[in-house]
N, C-alpha and C. Protein backbone atom coordinates (compact mmCIF):
# COMPACT_ATOMS: atom_id res chain seq x y z
N UNK A 1 0.85 -1.18 0.00
CA UNK A 1 0.01 0.00 0.00
C UNK A 1 0.89 1.25 0.00
N UNK A 2 0.52 2.19 -0.86
CA UNK A 2 1.19 3.51 -0.89
C UNK A 2 0.13 4.57 -0.71
N UNK A 3 0.52 5.71 -0.18
CA UNK A 3 -0.39 6.86 -0.08
C UNK A 3 0.20 7.95 -0.97
N UNK A 4 -0.59 8.43 -1.93
CA UNK A 4 -0.16 9.49 -2.82
C UNK A 4 -0.95 10.75 -2.46
N UNK A 5 -0.23 11.85 -2.27
CA UNK A 5 -0.87 13.12 -1.94
C UNK A 5 -0.58 14.13 -3.03
N UNK A 6 -1.63 14.85 -3.46
CA UNK A 6 -1.49 15.96 -4.36
C UNK A 6 -2.51 17.03 -3.95
N UNK A 7 -2.00 18.18 -3.59
CA UNK A 7 -2.93 19.24 -3.08
C UNK A 7 -3.59 18.74 -1.81
N UNK A 8 -4.90 18.86 -1.77
CA UNK A 8 -5.63 18.42 -0.59
C UNK A 8 -6.22 17.02 -0.73
N UNK A 9 -5.78 16.28 -1.75
CA UNK A 9 -6.28 14.92 -1.98
C UNK A 9 -5.22 13.89 -1.62
N UNK A 10 -5.67 12.81 -1.01
CA UNK A 10 -4.80 11.66 -0.72
C UNK A 10 -5.47 10.42 -1.28
N UNK A 11 -4.69 9.63 -2.01
CA UNK A 11 -5.20 8.38 -2.61
C UNK A 11 -4.41 7.21 -2.05
N UNK A 12 -5.09 6.16 -1.67
CA UNK A 12 -4.44 4.93 -1.22
C UNK A 12 -4.35 3.99 -2.42
N UNK A 13 -3.16 3.45 -2.64
CA UNK A 13 -2.92 2.59 -3.80
C UNK A 13 -2.40 1.26 -3.33
N UNK A 14 -3.05 0.19 -3.81
CA UNK A 14 -2.56 -1.16 -3.54
C UNK A 14 -1.64 -1.55 -4.68
N UNK A 15 -0.38 -1.74 -4.40
CA UNK A 15 0.62 -2.04 -5.41
C UNK A 15 0.66 -3.55 -5.64
N UNK A 16 0.51 -3.96 -6.89
CA UNK A 16 0.57 -5.39 -7.21
C UNK A 16 1.92 -5.78 -7.83
N UNK A 17 2.72 -4.79 -8.17
CA UNK A 17 4.05 -5.09 -8.71
C UNK A 17 5.06 -4.05 -8.16
N UNK A 18 6.31 -4.39 -8.27
CA UNK A 18 7.35 -3.53 -7.72
C UNK A 18 7.53 -2.25 -8.56
N UNK A 19 7.72 -1.14 -7.86
CA UNK A 19 8.05 0.11 -8.52
C UNK A 19 9.56 0.10 -8.73
N UNK A 20 10.02 -0.11 -9.96
CA UNK A 20 11.44 -0.25 -10.20
C UNK A 20 12.05 0.93 -10.93
N UNK A 21 11.26 1.98 -11.22
CA UNK A 21 11.81 3.16 -11.89
C UNK A 21 10.94 4.37 -11.58
N UNK A 22 11.51 5.55 -11.77
CA UNK A 22 10.71 6.78 -11.62
C UNK A 22 9.64 6.86 -12.66
N UNK A 23 9.87 6.32 -13.85
CA UNK A 23 8.86 6.32 -14.91
C UNK A 23 7.63 5.51 -14.50
N UNK A 24 7.85 4.39 -13.83
CA UNK A 24 6.75 3.57 -13.33
C UNK A 24 5.96 4.34 -12.27
N UNK A 25 6.66 5.03 -11.37
CA UNK A 25 6.00 5.84 -10.36
C UNK A 25 5.23 6.99 -11.01
N UNK A 26 5.81 7.64 -12.01
CA UNK A 26 5.10 8.73 -12.73
C UNK A 26 3.83 8.21 -13.33
N UNK A 27 3.87 7.03 -13.98
CA UNK A 27 2.68 6.46 -14.59
C UNK A 27 1.59 6.19 -13.54
N UNK A 28 2.00 5.69 -12.39
CA UNK A 28 1.05 5.43 -11.32
C UNK A 28 0.40 6.72 -10.82
N UNK A 29 1.21 7.75 -10.65
CA UNK A 29 0.71 9.04 -10.17
C UNK A 29 -0.28 9.64 -11.18
N UNK A 30 0.07 9.60 -12.45
CA UNK A 30 -0.80 10.16 -13.50
C UNK A 30 -2.10 9.34 -13.52
N UNK A 31 -2.02 8.04 -13.36
CA UNK A 31 -3.22 7.20 -13.32
C UNK A 31 -4.15 7.56 -12.14
N UNK A 32 -3.53 7.89 -11.01
CA UNK A 32 -4.34 8.19 -9.82
C UNK A 32 -4.86 9.64 -9.80
N UNK A 33 -4.24 10.55 -10.53
CA UNK A 33 -4.70 11.94 -10.61
C UNK A 33 -4.83 12.36 -12.06
N UNK A 34 -5.65 11.67 -12.85
CA UNK A 34 -5.68 11.90 -14.32
C UNK A 34 -6.17 13.29 -14.72
N UNK A 35 -7.01 13.90 -13.95
CA UNK A 35 -7.54 15.23 -14.32
C UNK A 35 -6.62 16.36 -13.87
N UNK A 36 -5.60 16.04 -13.08
CA UNK A 36 -4.77 17.09 -12.48
C UNK A 36 -3.29 17.05 -12.88
N UNK A 37 -2.79 15.88 -13.25
CA UNK A 37 -1.36 15.73 -13.53
C UNK A 37 -1.11 15.00 -14.82
N UNK A 38 -0.02 15.36 -15.49
CA UNK A 38 0.41 14.66 -16.70
C UNK A 38 1.85 14.21 -16.49
N UNK A 39 2.31 13.30 -17.34
CA UNK A 39 3.71 12.85 -17.25
C UNK A 39 4.66 14.03 -17.47
N UNK A 40 4.30 14.92 -18.38
CA UNK A 40 5.12 16.11 -18.63
C UNK A 40 5.22 17.01 -17.39
N UNK A 41 4.11 17.16 -16.67
CA UNK A 41 4.14 17.98 -15.46
C UNK A 41 5.07 17.38 -14.41
N UNK A 42 5.07 16.05 -14.32
CA UNK A 42 5.91 15.38 -13.31
C UNK A 42 7.40 15.49 -13.64
N UNK A 43 7.72 15.65 -14.91
CA UNK A 43 9.12 15.77 -15.34
C UNK A 43 9.59 17.24 -15.30
N UNK A 44 8.68 18.14 -15.09
CA UNK A 44 9.01 19.56 -15.07
C UNK A 44 9.88 19.91 -13.86
N UNK A 45 10.79 20.87 -14.00
CA UNK A 45 11.56 21.31 -12.83
C UNK A 45 10.70 22.00 -11.79
N UNK A 46 9.45 22.34 -12.13
CA UNK A 46 8.54 22.97 -11.18
C UNK A 46 7.77 21.94 -10.36
N UNK A 47 8.08 20.66 -10.51
CA UNK A 47 7.41 19.62 -9.76
C UNK A 47 8.41 18.81 -8.97
N UNK A 48 8.09 18.56 -7.73
CA UNK A 48 8.94 17.72 -6.86
C UNK A 48 8.12 16.53 -6.37
N UNK A 49 8.74 15.39 -6.33
CA UNK A 49 8.12 14.19 -5.73
C UNK A 49 8.82 13.97 -4.42
N UNK A 50 8.07 14.06 -3.33
CA UNK A 50 8.62 13.97 -2.00
C UNK A 50 8.17 12.67 -1.34
N UNK A 51 9.00 12.17 -0.44
CA UNK A 51 8.65 11.00 0.36
C UNK A 51 8.81 11.36 1.84
N UNK A 52 7.93 10.81 2.65
CA UNK A 52 7.97 11.14 4.07
C UNK A 52 8.90 10.20 4.82
N UNK A 53 9.78 10.79 5.59
CA UNK A 53 10.64 10.03 6.52
C UNK A 53 9.87 9.97 7.83
N UNK A 54 9.25 8.85 8.12
CA UNK A 54 8.39 8.74 9.31
C UNK A 54 9.19 8.93 10.60
N UNK A 55 10.42 8.49 10.63
CA UNK A 55 11.23 8.59 11.86
C UNK A 55 11.48 10.04 12.24
N UNK A 56 11.67 10.90 11.23
CA UNK A 56 11.99 12.32 11.48
C UNK A 56 10.76 13.23 11.23
N UNK A 57 9.68 12.64 10.69
CA UNK A 57 8.47 13.39 10.39
C UNK A 57 8.72 14.56 9.45
N UNK A 58 9.53 14.31 8.39
CA UNK A 58 9.80 15.35 7.39
C UNK A 58 9.68 14.70 6.00
N UNK A 59 9.43 15.54 5.01
CA UNK A 59 9.42 15.10 3.62
C UNK A 59 10.75 15.53 2.99
N UNK A 60 11.27 14.67 2.11
CA UNK A 60 12.45 14.99 1.32
C UNK A 60 12.23 14.54 -0.10
N UNK A 61 13.00 15.12 -1.01
CA UNK A 61 12.83 14.81 -2.44
C UNK A 61 13.26 13.35 -2.72
N UNK A 62 12.37 12.62 -3.35
CA UNK A 62 12.63 11.22 -3.68
C UNK A 62 13.62 11.15 -4.83
N UNK A 63 14.74 10.51 -4.59
CA UNK A 63 15.77 10.37 -5.63
C UNK A 63 15.93 8.92 -6.08
N UNK A 64 15.52 7.97 -5.24
CA UNK A 64 15.71 6.56 -5.54
C UNK A 64 14.42 5.83 -5.17
N UNK A 65 13.78 5.19 -6.14
CA UNK A 65 12.51 4.51 -5.88
C UNK A 65 12.67 3.34 -4.90
N UNK A 66 13.90 2.90 -4.68
CA UNK A 66 14.12 1.84 -3.68
C UNK A 66 13.86 2.35 -2.27
N UNK A 67 13.76 3.65 -2.08
CA UNK A 67 13.40 4.21 -0.77
C UNK A 67 11.91 4.00 -0.45
N UNK A 68 11.10 3.68 -1.46
CA UNK A 68 9.68 3.48 -1.26
C UNK A 68 9.43 2.13 -0.62
N UNK A 69 8.77 2.15 0.54
CA UNK A 69 8.42 0.94 1.28
C UNK A 69 6.89 0.83 1.40
N UNK A 70 6.43 -0.28 1.90
CA UNK A 70 5.00 -0.43 2.19
C UNK A 70 4.56 0.68 3.13
N UNK A 71 3.44 1.30 2.81
CA UNK A 71 2.82 2.37 3.58
C UNK A 71 3.57 3.70 3.50
N UNK A 72 4.44 3.85 2.52
CA UNK A 72 5.11 5.13 2.29
C UNK A 72 4.11 6.21 1.88
N UNK A 73 4.41 7.42 2.26
CA UNK A 73 3.60 8.57 1.84
C UNK A 73 4.42 9.35 0.81
N UNK A 74 3.85 9.46 -0.40
CA UNK A 74 4.50 10.17 -1.50
C UNK A 74 3.68 11.43 -1.77
N UNK A 75 4.36 12.57 -1.76
CA UNK A 75 3.66 13.84 -1.99
C UNK A 75 4.18 14.46 -3.29
N UNK A 76 3.25 14.89 -4.14
CA UNK A 76 3.60 15.59 -5.37
C UNK A 76 3.41 17.06 -5.11
N UNK A 77 4.48 17.82 -5.31
CA UNK A 77 4.47 19.24 -4.97
C UNK A 77 4.78 20.05 -6.23
N UNK A 78 3.87 20.95 -6.60
CA UNK A 78 4.05 21.83 -7.76
C UNK A 78 4.56 23.17 -7.26
N UNK A 79 5.76 23.53 -7.67
CA UNK A 79 6.36 24.81 -7.30
C UNK A 79 5.96 25.81 -8.38
N UNK A 80 5.02 26.66 -8.08
CA UNK A 80 4.56 27.64 -9.06
C UNK A 80 5.52 28.84 -9.04
N UNK A 81 5.85 29.37 -10.21
CA UNK A 81 6.67 30.59 -10.22
C UNK A 81 5.93 31.71 -9.50
N UNK A 82 6.65 32.55 -8.77
CA UNK A 82 6.04 33.61 -7.97
C UNK A 82 5.20 34.55 -8.84
N UNK A 83 5.64 34.82 -10.06
CA UNK A 83 4.90 35.77 -10.88
C UNK A 83 3.61 35.19 -11.46
N UNK A 84 3.42 33.88 -11.33
CA UNK A 84 2.20 33.26 -11.87
C UNK A 84 0.98 33.65 -11.06
N UNK A 85 1.16 34.07 -9.80
CA UNK A 85 0.02 34.36 -8.95
C UNK A 85 -0.38 35.86 -8.97
N UNK A 86 0.35 36.66 -9.70
CA UNK A 86 0.04 38.07 -9.76
C UNK A 86 -0.43 38.44 -11.17
N UNK A 87 -1.60 39.03 -11.29
CA UNK A 87 -2.07 39.45 -12.62
C UNK A 87 -1.18 40.59 -13.15
N UNK A 88 -0.89 40.55 -14.43
CA UNK A 88 -0.09 41.58 -15.12
C UNK A 88 1.32 41.68 -14.53
N UNK A 89 1.83 40.62 -13.96
CA UNK A 89 3.19 40.64 -13.43
C UNK A 89 4.14 40.02 -14.46
N UNK A 90 5.35 40.52 -14.45
CA UNK A 90 6.37 39.95 -15.33
C UNK A 90 7.75 40.18 -14.73
N UNK A 91 8.68 39.37 -15.13
CA UNK A 91 10.04 39.52 -14.66
C UNK A 91 10.81 40.45 -15.60
N UNK A 92 11.50 41.41 -15.03
CA UNK A 92 12.35 42.31 -15.81
C UNK A 92 13.69 42.40 -15.11
N UNK A 93 14.73 41.99 -15.81
CA UNK A 93 16.08 42.01 -15.25
C UNK A 93 16.16 41.24 -13.93
N UNK A 94 15.38 40.18 -13.81
CA UNK A 94 15.47 39.31 -12.64
C UNK A 94 14.63 39.75 -11.46
N UNK A 95 13.95 40.90 -11.54
CA UNK A 95 13.10 41.29 -10.43
C UNK A 95 11.63 41.34 -10.87
N UNK A 96 10.76 41.20 -9.88
CA UNK A 96 9.34 41.15 -10.17
C UNK A 96 8.75 42.55 -10.24
N UNK A 97 8.05 42.81 -11.32
CA UNK A 97 7.36 44.10 -11.48
C UNK A 97 5.87 43.80 -11.62
N UNK A 98 5.08 44.47 -10.83
CA UNK A 98 3.63 44.29 -10.90
C UNK A 98 3.01 45.62 -11.34
N UNK A 99 2.14 45.53 -12.32
CA UNK A 99 1.48 46.71 -12.82
C UNK A 99 0.03 46.68 -12.34
N UNK A 100 -0.36 47.72 -11.62
CA UNK A 100 -1.72 47.82 -11.12
C UNK A 100 -2.50 48.84 -11.94
N UNK A 101 -3.75 48.53 -12.22
CA UNK A 101 -4.62 49.45 -12.94
C UNK A 101 -5.67 49.97 -11.96
N UNK A 102 -5.82 51.31 -11.92
CA UNK A 102 -6.82 51.93 -11.02
C UNK A 102 -7.88 52.59 -11.82
């Protein structure tokens, strides 16, 4: 059993075969969140796949699928660019400029 988290949703997955690659994990995640995630989104530098270290109660970036054990919690985290949340915002020379209309 694995627990996959994305946003405020958690899905429990019964694994019938070994996860032996990140591509297999990506396919499983896309299958469990088909309306929200794509394989391309998971490969984006704006997406992190995290695993919970139960002993320390922290999440860290998953680098090796062999770290996944029964009852692991896997979190998919989308890092949105800061300017994506501001209307009419753009980056100029590395700094954020926001234009307000009154």
